[in-house]
């Protein structure tokens, strides 16, 4: 597995993490529907697609509300750089994520 957002950002908000009690667990860490996307655990390498994720000390909004801020995020840029040379690539995996969301009726 590749580095997940909580490791990259060192937020401590994973279930059982050092800041969970103080700040709550981030939904990204337990969002199993995206497990394996970009070789991450749960949505750990697709955090920008999960509503209510915790980033920058604040709860983020819907995926649409997060889009602009997340495209500037150093972690998203890191994932894109790692994934573009891959067989599936970042864009193809993003399409697959959209299909998962359509299937489960989430966003």
Protein backbone atom coordinates (compact mmCIF):
# COMPACT_ATOMS: atom_id res chain seq x y z
CA UNK A 1 0.00 0.00 0.00
CA UNK A 2 1.06 3.54 -0.69
CA UNK A 3 1.02 6.40 1.81
CA UNK A 4 -2.48 7.46 2.90
CA UNK A 5 -3.52 11.05 3.60
CA UNK A 6 -3.44 10.62 7.39
CA UNK A 7 0.16 9.46 7.22
CA UNK A 8 1.19 12.14 4.74
CA UNK A 9 -0.54 14.93 6.70
CA UNK A 10 0.20 13.35 10.12
CA UNK A 11 -3.23 14.43 11.34
CA UNK A 12 -3.70 11.74 14.01
CA UNK A 13 -7.42 11.51 13.27
CA UNK A 14 -7.59 7.85 12.32
CA UNK A 15 -9.66 5.54 14.54
CA UNK A 16 -7.48 5.03 17.60
CA UNK A 17 -5.14 7.83 16.51
CA UNK A 18 -3.63 10.32 18.97
CA UNK A 19 -6.10 13.12 18.08
CA UNK A 20 -9.26 11.05 17.63
CA UNK A 21 -10.58 11.75 21.13
CA UNK A 22 -9.87 15.48 20.86
CA UNK A 23 -10.94 16.13 17.25
CA UNK A 24 -12.92 13.05 16.21
CA UNK A 25 -12.10 10.42 13.62
CA UNK A 26 -11.97 11.48 10.01
CA UNK A 27 -14.54 9.65 7.82
CA UNK A 28 -11.86 9.08 5.19
CA UNK A 29 -10.12 6.51 7.37
CA UNK A 30 -13.19 4.28 7.52
CA UNK A 31 -14.73 4.93 4.08
CA UNK A 32 -14.48 1.31 2.89
CA UNK A 33 -16.28 1.90 -0.42
CA UNK A 34 -13.05 3.37 -1.81
CA UNK A 35 -10.71 0.80 -0.29
CA UNK A 36 -7.87 0.11 -2.69
CA UNK A 37 -8.35 3.22 -4.85
CA UNK A 38 -4.87 4.42 -5.78
CA UNK A 39 -3.58 1.53 -3.63
CA UNK A 40 -4.76 3.17 -0.42
CA UNK A 41 -6.59 1.97 2.66
CA UNK A 42 -10.28 2.90 2.59
CA UNK A 43 -10.37 6.44 1.11
CA UNK A 44 -6.87 7.27 2.33
CA UNK A 45 -5.69 8.11 -1.19
CA UNK A 46 -9.00 9.60 -2.34
CA UNK A 47 -9.82 11.90 0.59
CA UNK A 48 -10.95 14.72 -1.72
CA UNK A 49 -13.94 12.60 -2.76
CA UNK A 50 -15.35 12.11 0.75
CA UNK A 51 -17.75 14.66 2.16
CA UNK A 52 -17.04 15.78 5.71
CA UNK A 53 -13.36 14.91 5.65
CA UNK A 54 -11.14 16.69 8.13
CA UNK A 55 -8.37 18.76 6.65
CA UNK A 56 -6.54 21.90 7.63
CA UNK A 57 -8.10 21.80 11.08
CA UNK A 58 -11.66 22.03 9.72
CA UNK A 59 -14.44 19.71 8.63
CA UNK A 60 -14.70 20.00 4.87
CA UNK A 61 -18.01 20.10 2.99
CA UNK A 62 -19.38 18.14 0.06
CA UNK A 63 -17.12 16.86 -2.70
CA UNK A 64 -18.27 19.74 -4.92
CA UNK A 65 -17.51 22.31 -2.22
CA UNK A 66 -14.08 20.79 -1.61
CA UNK A 67 -13.04 20.54 -5.24
CA UNK A 68 -11.16 23.85 -5.59
CA UNK A 69 -9.33 23.60 -2.27
CA UNK A 70 -8.44 19.96 -2.80
CA UNK A 71 -6.97 20.56 -6.26
CA UNK A 72 -4.45 22.82 -4.53
CA UNK A 73 -3.66 20.27 -1.80
CA UNK A 74 -0.10 18.98 -1.65
CA UNK A 75 -1.33 15.44 -0.93
CA UNK A 76 -3.61 15.33 -3.99
CA UNK A 77 -0.71 16.59 -6.12
CA UNK A 78 1.47 13.85 -4.59
CA UNK A 79 -1.10 11.15 -5.47
CA UNK A 80 -1.54 12.46 -9.00
CA UNK A 81 2.21 12.46 -9.55
CA UNK A 82 2.49 8.87 -8.31
CA UNK A 83 -0.54 7.61 -10.24
CA UNK A 84 -0.17 9.13 -13.71
CA UNK A 85 2.57 6.70 -14.80
CA UNK A 86 0.48 3.74 -13.56
CA UNK A 87 -1.40 1.50 -16.01
CA UNK A 88 -4.79 2.78 -14.83
CA UNK A 89 -3.55 6.32 -14.16
CA UNK A 90 -5.19 8.97 -12.03
CA UNK A 91 -7.94 9.88 -14.50
CA UNK A 92 -9.06 6.30 -15.13
CA UNK A 93 -9.19 5.60 -11.41
CA UNK A 94 -11.23 8.76 -10.89
CA UNK A 95 -13.78 7.46 -13.40
CA UNK A 96 -13.95 4.20 -11.45
CA UNK A 97 -14.55 6.15 -8.22
CA UNK A 98 -17.43 8.02 -9.86
CA UNK A 99 -19.00 4.68 -10.78
CA UNK A 100 -18.68 3.49 -7.18
CA UNK A 101 -20.47 6.62 -5.96
CA UNK A 102 -23.25 6.18 -8.54
CA UNK A 103 -23.70 2.56 -7.45
CA UNK A 104 -24.00 3.38 -3.75
CA UNK A 105 -25.94 6.62 -4.33
CA UNK A 106 -23.45 8.73 -2.37
CA UNK A 107 -21.83 12.13 -2.84
